[in-house]
N, C-alpha and C. Protein backbone atom coordinates (compact mmCIF):
# COMPACT_ATOMS: atom_id res chain seq x y z
N MET A 1 7.21 13.40 12.12
CA MET A 1 7.37 12.21 11.76
C MET A 1 7.23 11.38 13.17
N PRO A 2 6.47 10.26 12.95
CA PRO A 2 6.20 9.49 14.30
C PRO A 2 7.34 8.67 14.66
N SER A 3 7.61 8.29 15.98
CA SER A 3 8.76 7.53 16.19
C SER A 3 8.23 6.16 15.99
N ARG A 4 9.31 5.17 16.25
CA ARG A 4 8.95 3.87 16.01
C ARG A 4 7.93 3.26 17.07
N ALA A 5 7.95 3.87 18.08
CA ALA A 5 7.20 3.24 19.39
C ALA A 5 5.61 3.87 18.77
N ASP A 6 5.27 4.79 18.00
CA ASP A 6 4.11 5.28 17.56
C ASP A 6 3.60 4.25 16.52
N LEU A 7 4.42 3.59 15.94
CA LEU A 7 3.74 2.84 14.74
C LEU A 7 3.36 1.47 15.09
N SER A 8 2.21 1.05 14.59
CA SER A 8 1.84 -0.30 14.82
C SER A 8 1.00 -0.76 13.53
N VAL A 9 0.75 -1.98 13.65
CA VAL A 9 0.15 -2.60 12.41
C VAL A 9 -1.19 -3.22 12.95
N LEU A 10 -2.20 -2.72 12.12
CA LEU A 10 -3.53 -3.14 12.69
C LEU A 10 -4.00 -4.40 11.98
N THR A 11 -4.52 -5.35 12.40
CA THR A 11 -4.87 -6.68 11.70
C THR A 11 -6.50 -6.78 11.96
N PRO A 12 -7.20 -7.39 11.06
CA PRO A 12 -8.54 -7.60 11.11
C PRO A 12 -8.90 -8.49 12.01
N TYR A 13 -10.02 -8.59 12.73
CA TYR A 13 -10.46 -9.51 13.64
C TYR A 13 -10.76 -10.92 12.93
N LYS A 14 -10.40 -11.96 13.62
CA LYS A 14 -10.66 -13.34 12.90
C LYS A 14 -12.08 -13.88 13.53
N GLY A 15 -12.39 -15.05 12.98
CA GLY A 15 -13.58 -15.71 13.59
C GLY A 15 -14.76 -15.49 12.77
N LYS A 16 -15.68 -16.38 12.93
CA LYS A 16 -17.10 -16.25 12.22
C LYS A 16 -18.16 -15.59 12.87
N ASP A 17 -18.28 -15.65 14.24
CA ASP A 17 -19.29 -14.87 15.03
C ASP A 17 -18.85 -13.71 15.59
N LYS A 18 -18.42 -12.72 14.90
CA LYS A 18 -18.14 -11.46 15.65
C LYS A 18 -19.07 -10.43 15.64
N PRO A 19 -19.03 -9.64 16.82
CA PRO A 19 -19.95 -8.77 17.26
C PRO A 19 -20.03 -7.68 16.14
N GLU A 20 -20.76 -6.81 15.96
CA GLU A 20 -21.08 -5.72 14.85
C GLU A 20 -19.95 -4.81 14.84
N SER A 21 -19.45 -4.49 15.87
CA SER A 21 -18.41 -3.41 16.03
C SER A 21 -17.11 -4.00 15.40
N GLN A 22 -16.71 -5.48 15.59
CA GLN A 22 -15.80 -6.03 14.86
C GLN A 22 -15.84 -6.06 13.50
N LYS A 23 -17.14 -6.38 13.02
CA LYS A 23 -17.31 -6.20 11.54
C LYS A 23 -17.19 -5.14 10.98
N GLN A 24 -17.54 -3.89 11.66
CA GLN A 24 -17.44 -2.66 11.11
C GLN A 24 -15.84 -2.31 10.98
N ALA A 25 -15.11 -2.83 12.03
CA ALA A 25 -13.62 -2.30 11.95
C ALA A 25 -12.94 -3.10 10.80
N ASN A 26 -13.50 -4.30 10.80
CA ASN A 26 -12.92 -5.13 9.57
C ASN A 26 -13.11 -4.53 8.16
N ARG A 27 -14.43 -4.01 8.25
CA ARG A 27 -14.66 -3.18 6.73
C ARG A 27 -13.83 -2.10 6.61
N ALA A 28 -13.70 -1.32 7.63
CA ALA A 28 -12.82 0.07 7.64
C ALA A 28 -11.31 -0.53 7.23
N HIS A 29 -10.89 -1.56 7.76
CA HIS A 29 -9.52 -2.02 7.44
C HIS A 29 -9.64 -2.24 6.22
N ALA A 30 -10.44 -3.14 5.51
CA ALA A 30 -10.34 -3.41 4.10
C ALA A 30 -10.45 -2.15 3.34
N LYS A 31 -11.03 -1.20 3.65
CA LYS A 31 -11.07 0.12 2.83
C LYS A 31 -9.92 0.75 2.71
N LEU A 32 -9.04 0.71 3.76
CA LEU A 32 -7.80 1.28 3.85
C LEU A 32 -6.77 0.30 3.14
N ARG A 33 -6.83 -0.85 3.32
CA ARG A 33 -5.90 -1.80 2.64
C ARG A 33 -5.93 -1.90 1.21
N GLY A 34 -7.04 -1.91 0.83
CA GLY A 34 -7.36 -1.95 -0.77
C GLY A 34 -6.58 -1.08 -1.73
N PRO A 35 -6.44 0.21 -1.38
CA PRO A 35 -5.56 1.41 -2.21
C PRO A 35 -4.16 0.78 -2.14
N GLY A 36 -3.45 0.55 -0.91
CA GLY A 36 -2.32 0.17 -0.77
C GLY A 36 -1.82 -1.19 -1.65
N GLU A 37 -2.73 -2.04 -1.48
CA GLU A 37 -2.73 -3.21 -2.36
C GLU A 37 -2.68 -3.08 -3.95
N ARG A 38 -3.65 -2.25 -4.36
CA ARG A 38 -3.50 -1.94 -5.77
C ARG A 38 -2.17 -0.98 -6.14
N ALA A 39 -1.77 -0.05 -5.25
CA ALA A 39 -0.66 0.49 -5.54
C ALA A 39 0.82 -0.58 -5.64
N ASN A 40 0.81 -1.13 -4.90
CA ASN A 40 1.87 -2.47 -4.84
C ASN A 40 1.81 -3.10 -6.08
N ALA A 41 0.49 -3.65 -6.56
CA ALA A 41 0.60 -4.34 -7.69
C ALA A 41 0.90 -3.45 -8.86
N GLN A 42 0.57 -2.17 -8.99
CA GLN A 42 0.87 -1.46 -10.04
C GLN A 42 2.73 -1.15 -10.06
N LEU A 43 3.23 -1.08 -8.88
CA LEU A 43 4.62 -1.10 -8.72
C LEU A 43 5.29 -2.20 -9.35
N LYS A 44 4.62 -3.53 -9.00
CA LYS A 44 5.07 -4.78 -9.41
C LYS A 44 5.20 -4.91 -10.96
N SER A 45 4.32 -4.13 -11.66
CA SER A 45 4.42 -4.33 -13.28
C SER A 45 5.51 -3.61 -13.67
N TRP A 46 6.17 -2.75 -12.95
CA TRP A 46 7.59 -2.15 -13.56
C TRP A 46 8.76 -3.08 -13.36
N LYS A 47 9.36 -3.26 -14.50
CA LYS A 47 10.38 -4.50 -14.28
C LYS A 47 11.62 -4.07 -13.78
N ILE A 48 11.74 -2.56 -13.66
CA ILE A 48 13.01 -2.16 -13.17
C ILE A 48 12.96 -2.43 -11.47
N LEU A 49 11.80 -2.72 -10.91
CA LEU A 49 11.78 -3.03 -9.53
C LEU A 49 11.96 -4.39 -9.19
N ARG A 50 11.90 -5.40 -10.06
CA ARG A 50 11.66 -6.74 -9.85
C ARG A 50 13.18 -7.38 -9.14
N LYS A 51 14.26 -6.69 -9.67
CA LYS A 51 15.61 -7.28 -9.23
C LYS A 51 16.40 -6.02 -8.73
N LEU A 52 15.55 -5.09 -7.93
CA LEU A 52 16.41 -3.81 -7.39
C LEU A 52 17.25 -4.19 -6.29
N ARG A 53 18.36 -3.65 -6.51
CA ARG A 53 19.49 -3.80 -5.29
C ARG A 53 19.99 -2.38 -5.04
N CYS A 54 19.52 -1.57 -4.11
CA CYS A 54 20.06 -0.34 -3.76
C CYS A 54 19.46 -0.04 -2.43
N SER A 55 19.98 1.13 -2.12
CA SER A 55 19.62 1.68 -0.72
C SER A 55 18.06 1.87 -0.37
N PRO A 56 17.53 1.64 0.69
CA PRO A 56 16.06 1.88 0.92
C PRO A 56 15.60 3.43 0.36
N SER A 57 16.45 4.21 0.69
CA SER A 57 16.30 5.54 0.34
C SER A 57 15.98 5.69 -1.26
N LYS A 58 17.18 5.28 -1.85
CA LYS A 58 17.07 5.23 -3.31
C LYS A 58 15.91 4.57 -3.86
N ALA A 59 15.51 3.27 -3.14
CA ALA A 59 14.54 2.66 -3.67
C ALA A 59 13.09 3.53 -3.42
N GLY A 60 13.04 4.16 -2.31
CA GLY A 60 11.89 5.07 -1.96
C GLY A 60 11.74 6.16 -3.03
N HIS A 61 12.74 6.73 -3.53
CA HIS A 61 12.80 7.87 -4.58
C HIS A 61 12.50 7.08 -5.86
N LEU A 62 12.87 6.04 -6.06
CA LEU A 62 12.58 5.40 -7.38
C LEU A 62 10.98 5.19 -7.51
N CYS A 63 10.51 4.69 -6.32
CA CYS A 63 9.06 4.25 -6.13
C CYS A 63 8.14 5.54 -6.40
N LYS A 64 8.62 6.79 -5.81
CA LYS A 64 7.79 7.90 -5.95
C LYS A 64 7.97 8.35 -7.43
N ALA A 65 9.04 8.37 -8.05
CA ALA A 65 9.23 8.48 -9.39
C ALA A 65 8.21 7.82 -10.26
N ILE A 66 8.14 6.47 -10.21
CA ILE A 66 7.43 5.52 -10.78
C ILE A 66 5.94 5.90 -10.55
N ALA A 67 5.53 6.32 -9.24
CA ALA A 67 4.14 6.83 -8.96
C ALA A 67 3.80 7.99 -9.99
N VAL A 68 4.82 8.91 -10.08
CA VAL A 68 4.44 10.06 -10.94
C VAL A 68 4.13 9.57 -12.32
N LEU A 69 4.97 8.66 -12.77
CA LEU A 69 4.83 8.25 -14.20
C LEU A 69 3.58 7.51 -14.38
N GLN A 70 3.31 6.52 -13.37
CA GLN A 70 2.04 5.86 -13.35
C GLN A 70 0.76 6.78 -13.36
N ASN A 71 0.96 7.67 -12.58
CA ASN A 71 -0.31 8.58 -12.70
C ASN A 71 -0.53 9.43 -14.11
N HIS A 72 0.69 9.82 -14.50
CA HIS A 72 0.64 10.58 -15.73
C HIS A 72 0.05 9.59 -16.85
N ARG A 73 0.57 8.33 -17.04
CA ARG A 73 -0.07 7.39 -17.87
C ARG A 73 -1.53 7.30 -17.64
N ILE A 74 -2.00 7.15 -16.59
CA ILE A 74 -3.46 7.11 -16.34
C ILE A 74 -4.15 8.05 -16.62
N ALA A 75 -3.77 9.32 -16.42
CA ALA A 75 -4.31 10.57 -16.90
C ALA A 75 -4.29 10.74 -18.36
N GLN A 76 -3.20 10.38 -19.01
CA GLN A 76 -3.25 10.42 -20.50
C GLN A 76 -4.24 9.58 -21.04
N ALA A 77 -4.70 8.30 -20.43
CA ALA A 77 -5.42 7.33 -20.95
C ALA A 77 -6.97 7.72 -20.75
N ALA A 78 -7.12 8.70 -19.80
CA ALA A 78 -8.51 9.04 -19.58
C ALA A 78 -9.20 9.99 -20.53
């Protein structure tokens, strides 16, 4: 597991006139960000999480369980 010193947040480059390398980095960033945003949107649809008051550990376990249920629901619909 990485230490806190190893963790960082990458943000996209701002501005209109960016070099191609920064544009490519922004596209890569968007590809990584999209699935996380969709996952958060799905979690928000579960009412149990709207006013959740518990430890972060329990919240993490609950989110994992919801992810399993969500994936099962998607598989059943396919």
